[in-house]
Amino acid sequence: MRRTKLVIALVTLCAAGAMLLLAFRGEGDAQVRGGQVDLLARVVAAEAEGEPYQGQVAVAAVIMNRVKSRQFPNTLSGVVFQPHAFESVTNGLIWRRSPSSAAYAAARDAINGYDPTYGCLFFWNPSKPVSGWIWSRQIAVRIGSHVFAR
């Protein structure tokens, strides 16, 4: 179990490093943005598979809202790979799930500013075990099986 967690942590760090290298290699905006769309689509696939399209966009929008917030890292990879921020990153699911065309479209829509959460910074599935702290956040909207909060 401990070895599995170490392998997952190393894979996550390597992926974060690869994303940072793409961002700092001086590649064109389109290529860097393509890497961002792929990373965001992976999180959408892992966190919101089976959700309605608006729910997939909402998950991606929360991540984009965090990038804009002073409370979180100011890069997409910084937000995604923030320790323990997303269960699918912690357990490596983002690398085992292939994003669908809907996940890519949801990621692109969120990057382009579509936000069905109206600025939320948090989401969770209330039917799954979560930290009690999260319930202190003000719920703004429910989409599919997730709630979105400020």
C-alpha atoms as a PDB file:
ATOM      1  CA  MET A   1       0.000   0.000   0.000  1.00  0.00           C
ATOM      2  CA  ARG A   2       2.782   2.418   0.949  1.00  0.00           C
ATOM      3  CA  ARG A   3       4.689   1.570  -2.226  1.00  0.00           C
ATOM      4  CA  THR A   4       1.556   2.162  -4.337  1.00  0.00           C
ATOM      5  CA  LYS A   5       1.113   5.612  -2.791  1.00  0.00           C
ATOM      6  CA  LEU A   6       4.763   6.404  -3.513  1.00  0.00           C
ATOM      7  CA  VAL A   7       4.400   5.343  -7.150  1.00  0.00           C
ATOM      8  CA  ILE A   8       1.246   7.442  -7.540  1.00  0.00           C
ATOM      9  CA  ALA A   9       2.994  10.428  -5.974  1.00  0.00           C
ATOM     10  CA  LEU A  10       5.985  10.032  -8.305  1.00  0.00           C
ATOM     11  CA  VAL A  11       3.774   9.713 -11.386  1.00  0.00           C
ATOM     12  CA  THR A  12       1.838  12.809 -10.326  1.00  0.00           C
ATOM     13  CA  LEU A  13       5.054  14.775  -9.794  1.00  0.00           C
ATOM     14  CA  CYS A  14       6.421  13.672 -13.168  1.00  0.00           C
ATOM     15  CA  ALA A  15       3.216  14.710 -14.898  1.00  0.00           C
ATOM     16  CA  ALA A  16       3.259  18.075 -13.149  1.00  0.00           C
ATOM     17  CA  GLY A  17       6.866  18.545 -14.212  1.00  0.00           C
ATOM     18  CA  ALA A  18       5.996  17.712 -17.798  1.00  0.00           C
ATOM     19  CA  MET A  19       3.180  20.261 -17.783  1.00  0.00           C
ATOM     20  CA  LEU A  20       5.506  22.910 -16.356  1.00  0.00           C
ATOM     21  CA  LEU A  21       8.145  22.145 -18.985  1.00  0.00           C
ATOM     22  CA  LEU A  22       5.565  22.644 -21.717  1.00  0.00           C
ATOM     23  CA  ALA A  23       4.586  25.954 -20.195  1.00  0.00           C
ATOM     24  CA  PHE A  24       8.162  27.243 -19.920  1.00  0.00           C
ATOM     25  CA  ARG A  25       9.732  25.857 -23.101  1.00  0.00           C
ATOM     26  CA  GLY A  26       8.624  28.858 -25.073  1.00  0.00           C
ATOM     27  CA  GLU A  27       6.146  26.884 -27.159  1.00  0.00           C
ATOM     28  CA  GLY A  28       3.360  28.784 -28.869  1.00  0.00           C
ATOM     29  CA  ASP A  29       0.222  29.618 -26.941  1.00  0.00           C
ATOM     30  CA  ALA A  30      -1.779  27.059 -28.915  1.00  0.00           C
ATOM     31  CA  GLN A  31       0.473  24.201 -27.830  1.00  0.00           C
ATOM     32  CA  VAL A  32       0.556  25.273 -24.187  1.00  0.00           C
ATOM     33  CA  ARG A  33      -3.192  25.770 -24.264  1.00  0.00           C
ATOM     34  CA  GLY A  34      -3.580  22.310 -25.795  1.00  0.00           C
ATOM     35  CA  GLY A  35      -1.718  20.876 -22.818  1.00  0.00           C
ATOM     36  CA  GLN A  36      -4.014  22.801 -20.484  1.00  0.00           C
ATOM     37  CA  VAL A  37      -7.109  21.516 -22.249  1.00  0.00           C
ATOM     38  CA  ASP A  38      -5.798  17.954 -21.991  1.00  0.00           C
ATOM     39  CA  LEU A  39      -4.986  18.280 -18.280  1.00  0.00           C
ATOM     40  CA  LEU A  40      -8.346  19.864 -17.505  1.00  0.00           C
ATOM     41  CA  ALA A  41     -10.191  17.257 -19.599  1.00  0.00           C
ATOM     42  CA  ARG A  42      -8.434  14.500 -17.632  1.00  0.00           C
ATOM     43  CA  VAL A  43      -9.678  15.949 -14.348  1.00  0.00           C
ATOM     44  CA  VAL A  44     -13.190  16.301 -15.797  1.00  0.00           C
ATOM     45  CA  ALA A  45     -13.113  12.676 -16.973  1.00  0.00           C
ATOM     46  CA  ALA A  46     -11.960  11.470 -13.566  1.00  0.00           C
ATOM     47  CA  GLU A  47     -14.156  13.694 -11.394  1.00  0.00           C
ATOM     48  CA  ALA A  48     -17.320  14.055 -13.484  1.00  0.00           C
ATOM     49  CA  GLU A  49     -17.665  11.030 -15.762  1.00  0.00           C
ATOM     50  CA  GLY A  50     -21.353  10.196 -16.119  1.00  0.00           C
ATOM     51  CA  GLU A  51     -22.440  13.693 -15.138  1.00  0.00           C
ATOM     52  CA  PRO A  52     -24.517  15.846 -17.498  1.00  0.00           C
ATOM     53  CA  TYR A  53     -22.489  18.091 -19.804  1.00  0.00           C
ATOM     54  CA  GLN A  54     -23.249  21.178 -17.708  1.00  0.00           C
ATOM     55  CA  GLY A  55     -21.912  19.309 -14.660  1.00  0.00           C
ATOM     56  CA  GLN A  56     -18.694  18.487 -16.499  1.00  0.00           C
ATOM     57  CA  VAL A  57     -18.255  22.144 -17.455  1.00  0.00           C
ATOM     58  CA  ALA A  58     -19.017  23.116 -13.850  1.00  0.00           C
ATOM     59  CA  VAL A  59     -16.203  20.896 -12.530  1.00  0.00           C
ATOM     60  CA  ALA A  60     -13.782  22.449 -15.033  1.00  0.00           C
ATOM     61  CA  ALA A  61     -15.065  25.941 -14.179  1.00  0.00           C
ATOM     62  CA  VAL A  62     -14.352  25.404 -10.469  1.00  0.00           C
ATOM     63  CA  ILE A  63     -10.763  24.598 -11.364  1.00  0.00           C
ATOM     64  CA  MET A  64     -10.506  27.702 -13.567  1.00  0.00           C
ATOM     65  CA  ASN A  65     -12.061  29.793 -10.768  1.00  0.00           C
ATOM     66  CA  ARG A  66      -9.373  28.528  -8.417  1.00  0.00           C
ATOM     67  CA  VAL A  67      -6.667  29.615 -10.872  1.00  0.00           C
ATOM     68  CA  LYS A  68      -8.133  33.141 -10.728  1.00  0.00           C
ATOM     69  CA  SER A  69      -8.535  33.142  -6.932  1.00  0.00           C
ATOM     70  CA  ARG A  70      -5.815  34.420  -4.586  1.00  0.00           C
ATOM     71  CA  GLN A  71      -6.641  31.492  -2.278  1.00  0.00           C
ATOM     72  CA  PHE A  72      -5.146  28.927  -4.678  1.00  0.00           C
ATOM     73  CA  PRO A  73      -2.115  28.532  -6.964  1.00  0.00           C
ATOM     74  CA  ASN A  74      -2.273  30.815 -10.012  1.00  0.00           C
ATOM     75  CA  THR A  75      -1.670  28.167 -12.685  1.00  0.00           C
ATOM     76  CA  LEU A  76      -3.812  25.328 -13.928  1.00  0.00           C
ATOM     77  CA  SER A  77      -1.202  22.702 -13.110  1.00  0.00           C
ATOM     78  CA  GLY A  78      -0.657  24.303  -9.692  1.00  0.00           C
ATOM     79  CA  VAL A  79      -4.363  24.008  -8.885  1.00  0.00           C
ATOM     80  CA  VAL A  80      -4.740  20.489 -10.287  1.00  0.00           C
ATOM     81  CA  PHE A  81      -1.655  19.126  -8.522  1.00  0.00           C
ATOM     82  CA  GLN A  82      -2.177  20.947  -5.230  1.00  0.00           C
ATOM     83  CA  PRO A  83      -1.794  18.176  -2.632  1.00  0.00           C
ATOM     84  CA  HIS A  84      -5.102  16.523  -1.699  1.00  0.00           C
ATOM     85  CA  ALA A  85      -7.180  19.017  -3.696  1.00  0.00           C
ATOM     86  CA  PHE A  86      -8.724  16.411  -6.000  1.00  0.00           C
ATOM     87  CA  GLU A  87      -9.227  12.759  -5.114  1.00  0.00           C
ATOM     88  CA  SER A  88      -8.680  11.689  -8.722  1.00  0.00           C
ATOM     89  CA  VAL A  89      -5.217  13.249  -8.738  1.00  0.00           C
ATOM     90  CA  THR A  90      -4.288  11.817  -5.344  1.00  0.00           C
ATOM     91  CA  ASN A  91      -5.310   8.278  -6.350  1.00  0.00           C
ATOM     92  CA  GLY A  92      -3.991   8.539  -9.939  1.00  0.00           C
ATOM     93  CA  LEU A  93      -7.375   8.108 -11.639  1.00  0.00           C
ATOM     94  CA  ILE A  94      -6.708  11.072 -13.959  1.00  0.00           C
ATOM     95  CA  TRP A  95      -4.031   8.967 -15.695  1.00  0.00           C
ATOM     96  CA  ARG A  96      -6.171   5.822 -15.941  1.00  0.00           C
ATOM     97  CA  ARG A  97      -9.234   7.463 -17.514  1.00  0.00           C
ATOM     98  CA  SER A  98      -9.278   8.612 -21.111  1.00  0.00           C
ATOM     99  CA  PRO A  99     -11.174  11.859 -21.578  1.00  0.00           C
ATOM    100  CA  SER A 100     -14.210  11.716 -23.858  1.00  0.00           C
ATOM    101  CA  SER A 101     -14.943  14.309 -26.518  1.00  0.00           C
ATOM    102  CA  ALA A 102     -17.459  15.796 -24.057  1.00  0.00           C
ATOM    103  CA  ALA A 103     -14.726  16.136 -21.392  1.00  0.00           C
ATOM    104  CA  TYR A 104     -12.524  17.984 -23.899  1.00  0.00           C
ATOM    105  CA  ALA A 105     -15.414  20.232 -24.933  1.00  0.00           C
ATOM    106  CA  ALA A 106     -16.226  20.949 -21.270  1.00  0.00           C
ATOM    107  CA  ALA A 107     -12.589  21.848 -20.596  1.00  0.00           C
ATOM    108  CA  ARG A 108     -12.492  24.189 -23.607  1.00  0.00           C
ATOM    109  CA  ASP A 109     -15.784  25.832 -22.607  1.00  0.00           C
ATOM    110  CA  ALA A 110     -14.522  26.467 -19.062  1.00  0.00           C
ATOM    111  CA  ILE A 111     -11.188  27.833 -20.322  1.00  0.00           C
ATOM    112  CA  ASN A 112     -13.178  30.156 -22.582  1.00  0.00           C
ATOM    113  CA  GLY A 113     -15.157  31.477 -19.605  1.00  0.00           C
ATOM    114  CA  TYR A 114     -18.373  29.430 -19.412  1.00  0.00           C
ATOM    115  CA  ASP A 115     -19.157  29.013 -15.708  1.00  0.00           C
ATOM    116  CA  PRO A 116     -22.465  27.414 -14.694  1.00  0.00           C
ATOM    117  CA  THR A 117     -21.340  27.640 -11.033  1.00  0.00           C
ATOM    118  CA  TYR A 118     -21.250  31.456 -10.969  1.00  0.00           C
ATOM    119  CA  GLY A 119     -17.795  31.617  -9.444  1.00  0.00           C
ATOM    120  CA  CYS A 120     -17.747  28.604  -7.113  1.00  0.00           C
ATOM    121  CA  LEU A 121     -14.429  27.322  -5.775  1.00  0.00           C
ATOM    122  CA  PHE A 122     -15.525  23.941  -4.416  1.00  0.00           C
ATOM    123  CA  PHE A 123     -17.523  20.921  -5.516  1.00  0.00           C
ATOM    124  CA  TRP A 124     -18.300  17.533  -4.029  1.00  0.00           C
ATOM    125  CA  ASN A 125     -20.691  14.647  -4.269  1.00  0.00           C
ATOM    126  CA  PRO A 126     -22.795  14.682  -1.086  1.00  0.00           C
ATOM    127  CA  SER A 127     -23.517  10.955  -1.396  1.00  0.00           C
ATOM    128  CA  LYS A 128     -19.814  10.154  -0.920  1.00  0.00           C
ATOM    129  CA  PRO A 129     -17.721  10.517   2.234  1.00  0.00           C
ATOM    130  CA  VAL A 130     -16.141  13.976   2.429  1.00  0.00           C
ATOM    131  CA  SER A 131     -14.449  16.098   5.060  1.00  0.00           C
ATOM    132  CA  GLY A 132     -16.917  17.704   7.446  1.00  0.00           C
ATOM    133  CA  TRP A 133     -15.212  21.038   6.768  1.00  0.00           C
ATOM    134  CA  ILE A 134     -16.576  21.208   3.231  1.00  0.00           C
ATOM    135  CA  TRP A 135     -20.137  21.476   4.540  1.00  0.00           C
ATOM    136  CA  SER A 136     -19.234  24.882   6.017  1.00  0.00           C
ATOM    137  CA  ARG A 137     -19.062  26.279   2.464  1.00  0.00           C
ATOM    138  CA  GLN A 138     -22.123  28.070   1.070  1.00  0.00           C
ATOM    139  CA  ILE A 139     -23.753  25.872  -1.591  1.00  0.00           C
ATOM    140  CA  ALA A 140     -24.695  27.903  -4.664  1.00  0.00           C
ATOM    141  CA  VAL A 141     -25.947  25.312  -7.133  1.00  0.00           C
ATOM    142  CA  ARG A 142     -26.496  21.608  -7.606  1.00  0.00           C
ATOM    143  CA  ILE A 143     -25.774  20.073 -11.008  1.00  0.00           C
ATOM    144  CA  GLY A 144     -26.105  16.344 -11.475  1.00  0.00           C
ATOM    145  CA  SER A 145     -24.767  14.537  -8.425  1.00  0.00           C
ATOM    146  CA  HIS A 146     -22.409  17.359  -7.383  1.00  0.00           C
ATOM    147  CA  VAL A 147     -22.961  20.456  -5.299  1.00  0.00           C
ATOM    148  CA  PHE A 148     -20.947  23.606  -5.999  1.00  0.00           C
ATOM    149  CA  ALA A 149     -20.049  26.070  -3.287  1.00  0.00           C
ATOM    150  CA  ARG A 150     -18.235  29.316  -2.604  1.00  0.00           C
END
